[in-house]
Amino acid sequence: MSGALIALIVVVVIVLIVVFWYISTRNGIIDFRNRVDESWSGIDVQLKRRHDLVPNLVGTVKGYATHESAVFEKVTQARADAMSTPDTNVAGTAKAEGQLDRALADLRAVAEAYPDLKATENFQQLSRNLSELEDEIQASRRIYNSNVQSYNTKIQQFPASIVANQGGFKDREFYEIEDAAQRETPSVSF
């Protein structure tokens, strides 16, 4: 074999290695991005379930505490705001859900004043459902934030960052709670 042929084979092998690396890296970034999107849809499902539960909870409390209309309006408005936040707006969703959390805390405070309400089977079931949903939302948020961390790390590390920049891959936002009081697990023991 001549030296020129060997040099050509070496160049072809190097080019093939670079091409395979590029394809593998891009596919890996896409995989991480899809995990982030899938985990966000998990949060979205849990939030929608909570939004569906809120009117039942408000209706049950409203039957006992008819003079608490300001609290009911606040919960209803917070729910509407949370439902109208675009699914792709992570920070906006976190803020709207925080407002709904605060409104639900006020609703729970109203319910505390009515022992008969707390004793009803319907209210107890709604309370259990809300508590379970809060746990599922927390779990979904942890999964989402873990996937965001992995994705952001992948696209920021060299040399994958070259592929990410060329492919237009951008950092994703974490689902963070803005209000420190919200970081505590809400009490749903009516």
C-alpha atoms as a PDB file:
ATOM      1  CA  MET A   1       0.000   0.000   0.000  1.00  0.00           C
ATOM      2  CA  SER A   2       1.161   3.412  -0.787  1.00  0.00           C
ATOM      3  CA  GLY A   3       1.484   6.228   1.757  1.00  0.00           C
ATOM      4  CA  ALA A   4      -1.212   8.259  -0.005  1.00  0.00           C
ATOM      5  CA  LEU A   5      -3.728   5.416   0.291  1.00  0.00           C
ATOM      6  CA  ILE A   6      -2.988   4.976   4.007  1.00  0.00           C
ATOM      7  CA  ALA A   7      -3.345   8.719   4.577  1.00  0.00           C
ATOM      8  CA  LEU A   8      -6.702   8.669   2.739  1.00  0.00           C
ATOM      9  CA  ILE A   9      -7.921   5.740   4.855  1.00  0.00           C
ATOM     10  CA  VAL A  10      -6.869   7.552   8.060  1.00  0.00           C
ATOM     11  CA  VAL A  11      -8.687  10.724   6.964  1.00  0.00           C
ATOM     12  CA  VAL A  12     -11.838   8.741   6.070  1.00  0.00           C
ATOM     13  CA  VAL A  13     -11.761   6.927   9.421  1.00  0.00           C
ATOM     14  CA  ILE A  14     -11.341  10.226  11.300  1.00  0.00           C
ATOM     15  CA  VAL A  15     -14.207  11.788   9.349  1.00  0.00           C
ATOM     16  CA  LEU A  16     -16.421   8.763  10.059  1.00  0.00           C
ATOM     17  CA  ILE A  17     -15.583   8.928  13.773  1.00  0.00           C
ATOM     18  CA  VAL A  18     -16.489  12.632  13.876  1.00  0.00           C
ATOM     19  CA  VAL A  19     -19.732  12.020  11.973  1.00  0.00           C
ATOM     20  CA  PHE A  20     -20.728   9.141  14.281  1.00  0.00           C
ATOM     21  CA  TRP A  21     -19.829  11.221  17.349  1.00  0.00           C
ATOM     22  CA  TYR A  22     -21.908  14.147  16.057  1.00  0.00           C
ATOM     23  CA  ILE A  23     -24.926  11.927  15.346  1.00  0.00           C
ATOM     24  CA  SER A  24     -24.630  10.193  18.708  1.00  0.00           C
ATOM     25  CA  THR A  25     -24.276  13.466  20.610  1.00  0.00           C
ATOM     26  CA  ARG A  26     -27.205  15.109  18.810  1.00  0.00           C
ATOM     27  CA  ASN A  27     -29.401  12.063  19.422  1.00  0.00           C
ATOM     28  CA  GLY A  28     -28.397  12.092  23.086  1.00  0.00           C
ATOM     29  CA  ILE A  29     -29.363  15.756  23.432  1.00  0.00           C
ATOM     30  CA  ILE A  30     -32.692  15.069  21.733  1.00  0.00           C
ATOM     31  CA  ASP A  31     -33.279  12.178  24.146  1.00  0.00           C
ATOM     32  CA  PHE A  32     -32.651  14.454  27.144  1.00  0.00           C
ATOM     33  CA  ARG A  33     -34.900  17.167  25.680  1.00  0.00           C
ATOM     34  CA  ASN A  34     -37.696  14.641  25.159  1.00  0.00           C
ATOM     35  CA  ARG A  35     -37.351  13.473  28.767  1.00  0.00           C
ATOM     36  CA  VAL A  36     -37.758  17.069  29.923  1.00  0.00           C
ATOM     37  CA  ASP A  37     -40.852  17.495  27.750  1.00  0.00           C
ATOM     38  CA  GLU A  38     -42.325  14.206  28.959  1.00  0.00           C
ATOM     39  CA  SER A  39     -41.711  15.032  32.612  1.00  0.00           C
ATOM     40  CA  TRP A  40     -43.297  18.473  32.122  1.00  0.00           C
ATOM     41  CA  SER A  41     -46.382  16.751  30.731  1.00  0.00           C
ATOM     42  CA  GLY A  42     -46.456  14.712  33.968  1.00  0.00           C
ATOM     43  CA  ILE A  43     -46.600  17.937  35.984  1.00  0.00           C
ATOM     44  CA  ASP A  44     -49.230  19.304  33.634  1.00  0.00           C
ATOM     45  CA  VAL A  45     -51.449  16.229  34.118  1.00  0.00           C
ATOM     46  CA  GLN A  46     -51.241  16.521  37.911  1.00  0.00           C
ATOM     47  CA  LEU A  47     -51.979  20.248  37.829  1.00  0.00           C
ATOM     48  CA  LYS A  48     -55.003  19.690  35.608  1.00  0.00           C
ATOM     49  CA  ARG A  49     -56.270  17.041  38.037  1.00  0.00           C
ATOM     50  CA  ARG A  50     -55.881  19.555  40.870  1.00  0.00           C
ATOM     51  CA  HIS A  51     -57.672  22.224  38.866  1.00  0.00           C
ATOM     52  CA  ASP A  52     -60.547  19.788  38.329  1.00  0.00           C
ATOM     53  CA  LEU A  53     -60.732  19.010  42.051  1.00  0.00           C
ATOM     54  CA  VAL A  54     -60.823  22.636  43.228  1.00  0.00           C
ATOM     55  CA  PRO A  55     -64.429  23.421  42.149  1.00  0.00           C
ATOM     56  CA  ASN A  56     -65.693  20.353  44.038  1.00  0.00           C
ATOM     57  CA  LEU A  57     -63.805  21.422  47.136  1.00  0.00           C
ATOM     58  CA  VAL A  58     -65.042  25.007  46.877  1.00  0.00           C
ATOM     59  CA  GLY A  59     -68.599  23.815  46.333  1.00  0.00           C
ATOM     60  CA  THR A  60     -68.475  21.590  49.397  1.00  0.00           C
ATOM     61  CA  VAL A  61     -67.083  24.336  51.625  1.00  0.00           C
ATOM     62  CA  LYS A  62     -69.439  26.917  50.116  1.00  0.00           C
ATOM     63  CA  GLY A  63     -72.446  24.921  51.305  1.00  0.00           C
ATOM     64  CA  TYR A  64     -71.329  25.394  54.917  1.00  0.00           C
ATOM     65  CA  ALA A  65     -69.644  28.786  54.796  1.00  0.00           C
ATOM     66  CA  THR A  66     -71.868  30.911  52.599  1.00  0.00           C
ATOM     67  CA  HIS A  67     -70.583  34.202  54.038  1.00  0.00           C
ATOM     68  CA  GLU A  68     -66.961  33.539  52.961  1.00  0.00           C
ATOM     69  CA  SER A  69     -67.491  34.711  49.374  1.00  0.00           C
ATOM     70  CA  ALA A  70     -64.158  36.592  49.174  1.00  0.00           C
ATOM     71  CA  VAL A  71     -62.258  33.349  49.826  1.00  0.00           C
ATOM     72  CA  PHE A  72     -64.289  31.488  47.190  1.00  0.00           C
ATOM     73  CA  GLU A  73     -63.704  34.233  44.639  1.00  0.00           C
ATOM     74  CA  LYS A  74     -59.970  34.202  45.389  1.00  0.00           C
ATOM     75  CA  VAL A  75     -59.769  30.430  44.898  1.00  0.00           C
ATOM     76  CA  THR A  76     -61.848  30.582  41.728  1.00  0.00           C
ATOM     77  CA  GLN A  77     -59.710  33.399  40.278  1.00  0.00           C
ATOM     78  CA  ALA A  78     -56.452  31.651  41.212  1.00  0.00           C
ATOM     79  CA  ARG A  79     -57.681  28.453  39.553  1.00  0.00           C
ATOM     80  CA  ALA A  80     -58.657  30.360  36.405  1.00  0.00           C
ATOM     81  CA  ASP A  81     -55.258  32.079  36.311  1.00  0.00           C
ATOM     82  CA  ALA A  82     -53.448  28.761  36.763  1.00  0.00           C
ATOM     83  CA  MET A  83     -55.479  27.114  34.018  1.00  0.00           C
ATOM     84  CA  SER A  84     -54.882  29.980  31.582  1.00  0.00           C
ATOM     85  CA  THR A  85     -51.094  30.017  31.967  1.00  0.00           C
ATOM     86  CA  PRO A  86     -49.476  28.603  28.803  1.00  0.00           C
ATOM     87  CA  ASP A  87     -48.102  25.089  29.293  1.00  0.00           C
ATOM     88  CA  THR A  88     -44.694  26.159  27.990  1.00  0.00           C
ATOM     89  CA  ASN A  89     -44.273  28.962  30.539  1.00  0.00           C
ATOM     90  CA  VAL A  90     -42.590  27.197  33.462  1.00  0.00           C
ATOM     91  CA  ALA A  91     -42.033  30.328  35.575  1.00  0.00           C
ATOM     92  CA  GLY A  92     -45.571  31.577  34.915  1.00  0.00           C
ATOM     93  CA  THR A  93     -47.017  28.200  35.821  1.00  0.00           C
ATOM     94  CA  ALA A  94     -45.017  28.112  39.058  1.00  0.00           C
ATOM     95  CA  LYS A  95     -46.244  31.605  39.978  1.00  0.00           C
ATOM     96  CA  ALA A  96     -49.891  30.860  39.148  1.00  0.00           C
ATOM     97  CA  GLU A  97     -49.787  27.578  41.037  1.00  0.00           C
ATOM     98  CA  GLY A  98     -48.263  29.385  44.004  1.00  0.00           C
ATOM     99  CA  GLN A  99     -51.217  31.758  44.030  1.00  0.00           C
ATOM    100  CA  LEU A 100     -53.581  28.787  43.889  1.00  0.00           C
ATOM    101  CA  ASP A 101     -51.709  27.165  46.798  1.00  0.00           C
ATOM    102  CA  ARG A 102     -52.167  30.325  48.887  1.00  0.00           C
ATOM    103  CA  ALA A 103     -55.865  30.535  47.968  1.00  0.00           C
ATOM    104  CA  LEU A 104     -56.371  26.875  48.901  1.00  0.00           C
ATOM    105  CA  ALA A 105     -54.660  27.522  52.237  1.00  0.00           C
ATOM    106  CA  ASP A 106     -57.232  30.263  52.890  1.00  0.00           C
ATOM    107  CA  LEU A 107     -60.001  27.855  51.936  1.00  0.00           C
ATOM    108  CA  ARG A 108     -58.591  25.265  54.346  1.00  0.00           C
ATOM    109  CA  ALA A 109     -58.572  27.906  57.089  1.00  0.00           C
ATOM    110  CA  VAL A 110     -62.266  28.583  56.448  1.00  0.00           C
ATOM    111  CA  ALA A 111     -63.031  24.868  56.598  1.00  0.00           C
ATOM    112  CA  GLU A 112     -61.333  24.629  59.999  1.00  0.00           C
ATOM    113  CA  ALA A 113     -64.066  26.840  61.446  1.00  0.00           C
ATOM    114  CA  TYR A 114     -66.811  24.345  60.488  1.00  0.00           C
ATOM    115  CA  PRO A 115     -66.551  21.019  62.348  1.00  0.00           C
ATOM    116  CA  ASP A 116     -69.665  19.662  60.628  1.00  0.00           C
ATOM    117  CA  LEU A 117     -68.043  20.285  57.258  1.00  0.00           C
ATOM    118  CA  LYS A 118     -64.849  18.506  58.273  1.00  0.00           C
ATOM    119  CA  ALA A 119     -66.893  15.492  59.327  1.00  0.00           C
ATOM    120  CA  THR A 120     -68.661  15.000  55.980  1.00  0.00           C
ATOM    121  CA  GLU A 121     -67.526  12.047  53.911  1.00  0.00           C
ATOM    122  CA  ASN A 122     -67.443  14.100  50.706  1.00  0.00           C
ATOM    123  CA  PHE A 123     -65.169  16.711  52.243  1.00  0.00           C
ATOM    124  CA  GLN A 124     -62.874  14.086  53.745  1.00  0.00           C
ATOM    125  CA  GLN A 125     -62.571  12.330  50.370  1.00  0.00           C
ATOM    126  CA  LEU A 126     -61.833  15.612  48.593  1.00  0.00           C
ATOM    127  CA  SER A 127     -59.224  16.424  51.240  1.00  0.00           C
ATOM    128  CA  ARG A 128     -57.536  13.046  50.770  1.00  0.00           C
ATOM    129  CA  ASN A 129     -57.573  13.505  46.989  1.00  0.00           C
ATOM    130  CA  LEU A 130     -56.041  16.963  47.306  1.00  0.00           C
ATOM    131  CA  SER A 131     -53.353  15.666  49.641  1.00  0.00           C
ATOM    132  CA  GLU A 132     -52.498  12.825  47.245  1.00  0.00           C
ATOM    133  CA  LEU A 133     -52.383  15.250  44.328  1.00  0.00           C
ATOM    134  CA  GLU A 134     -50.028  17.558  46.203  1.00  0.00           C
ATOM    135  CA  ASP A 135     -47.700  14.599  46.786  1.00  0.00           C
ATOM    136  CA  GLU A 136     -47.886  13.618  43.108  1.00  0.00           C
ATOM    137  CA  ILE A 137     -47.202  17.197  42.007  1.00  0.00           C
ATOM    138  CA  GLN A 138     -44.130  17.287  44.252  1.00  0.00           C
ATOM    139  CA  ALA A 139     -42.887  13.995  42.822  1.00  0.00           C
ATOM    140  CA  SER A 140     -43.521  15.170  39.254  1.00  0.00           C
ATOM    141  CA  ARG A 141     -41.696  18.426  39.951  1.00  0.00           C
ATOM    142  CA  ARG A 142     -38.666  16.534  41.304  1.00  0.00           C
ATOM    143  CA  ILE A 143     -38.578  14.309  38.200  1.00  0.00           C
ATOM    144  CA  TYR A 144     -38.927  17.324  35.900  1.00  0.00           C
ATOM    145  CA  ASN A 145     -36.188  19.299  37.655  1.00  0.00           C
ATOM    146  CA  SER A 146     -33.878  16.267  37.577  1.00  0.00           C
ATOM    147  CA  ASN A 147     -34.429  15.898  33.837  1.00  0.00           C
ATOM    148  CA  VAL A 148     -33.882  19.632  33.297  1.00  0.00           C
ATOM    149  CA  GLN A 149     -30.623  19.426  35.237  1.00  0.00           C
ATOM    150  CA  SER A 150     -29.415  16.490  33.119  1.00  0.00           C
ATOM    151  CA  TYR A 151     -30.444  18.164  29.858  1.00  0.00           C
ATOM    152  CA  ASN A 152     -28.899  21.534  30.767  1.00  0.00           C
ATOM    153  CA  THR A 153     -25.666  19.836  31.832  1.00  0.00           C
ATOM    154  CA  LYS A 154     -25.549  17.851  28.596  1.00  0.00           C
ATOM    155  CA  ILE A 155     -25.929  20.900  26.360  1.00  0.00           C
ATOM    156  CA  GLN A 156     -23.479  22.997  28.378  1.00  0.00           C
ATOM    157  CA  GLN A 157     -20.591  20.518  28.539  1.00  0.00           C
ATOM    158  CA  PHE A 158     -17.864  20.625  25.958  1.00  0.00           C
ATOM    159  CA  PRO A 159     -17.780  19.215  23.277  1.00  0.00           C
ATOM    160  CA  ALA A 160     -21.550  18.505  23.244  1.00  0.00           C
ATOM    161  CA  SER A 161     -22.127  22.249  23.620  1.00  0.00           C
ATOM    162  CA  ILE A 162     -20.862  22.685  20.048  1.00  0.00           C
ATOM    163  CA  VAL A 163     -23.603  20.375  18.761  1.00  0.00           C
ATOM    164  CA  ALA A 164     -26.190  22.002  21.069  1.00  0.00           C
ATOM    165  CA  ASN A 165     -25.330  25.516  19.894  1.00  0.00           C
ATOM    166  CA  GLN A 166     -25.380  24.450  16.254  1.00  0.00           C
ATOM    167  CA  GLY A 167     -28.714  22.652  16.775  1.00  0.00           C
ATOM    168  CA  GLY A 168     -30.375  25.549  18.598  1.00  0.00           C
ATOM    169  CA  PHE A 169     -30.844  23.626  21.851  1.00  0.00           C
ATOM    170  CA  LYS A 170     -31.516  26.044  24.720  1.00  0.00           C
ATOM    171  CA  ASP A 171     -31.433  25.691  28.503  1.00  0.00           C
ATOM    172  CA  ARG A 172     -34.728  24.829  30.152  1.00  0.00           C
ATOM    173  CA  GLU A 173     -36.110  26.484  33.263  1.00  0.00           C
ATOM    174  CA  PHE A 174     -36.452  24.653  36.543  1.00  0.00           C
ATOM    175  CA  TYR A 175     -39.891  24.508  38.147  1.00  0.00           C
ATOM    176  CA  GLU A 176     -39.092  26.535  41.239  1.00  0.00           C
ATOM    177  CA  ILE A 177     -41.236  27.869  44.019  1.00  0.00           C
ATOM    178  CA  GLU A 178     -40.772  31.613  44.415  1.00  0.00           C
ATOM    179  CA  ASP A 179     -42.367  32.114  47.827  1.00  0.00           C
ATOM    180  CA  ALA A 180     -40.388  30.536  50.690  1.00  0.00           C
ATOM    181  CA  ALA A 181     -43.627  29.788  52.561  1.00  0.00           C
ATOM    182  CA  GLN A 182     -44.713  27.628  49.632  1.00  0.00           C
ATOM    183  CA  ARG A 183     -41.650  25.424  49.994  1.00  0.00           C
ATOM    184  CA  GLU A 184     -43.298  23.850  53.003  1.00  0.00           C
ATOM    185  CA  THR A 185     -45.677  20.963  52.371  1.00  0.00           C
ATOM    186  CA  PRO A 186     -49.209  22.311  52.603  1.00  0.00           C
ATOM    187  CA  SER A 187     -51.303  20.995  55.425  1.00  0.00           C
ATOM    188  CA  VAL A 188     -54.505  19.482  54.121  1.00  0.00           C
ATOM    189  CA  SER A 189     -55.823  18.091  57.383  1.00  0.00           C
ATOM    190  CA  PHE A 190     -59.258  19.637  57.517  1.00  0.00           C
END
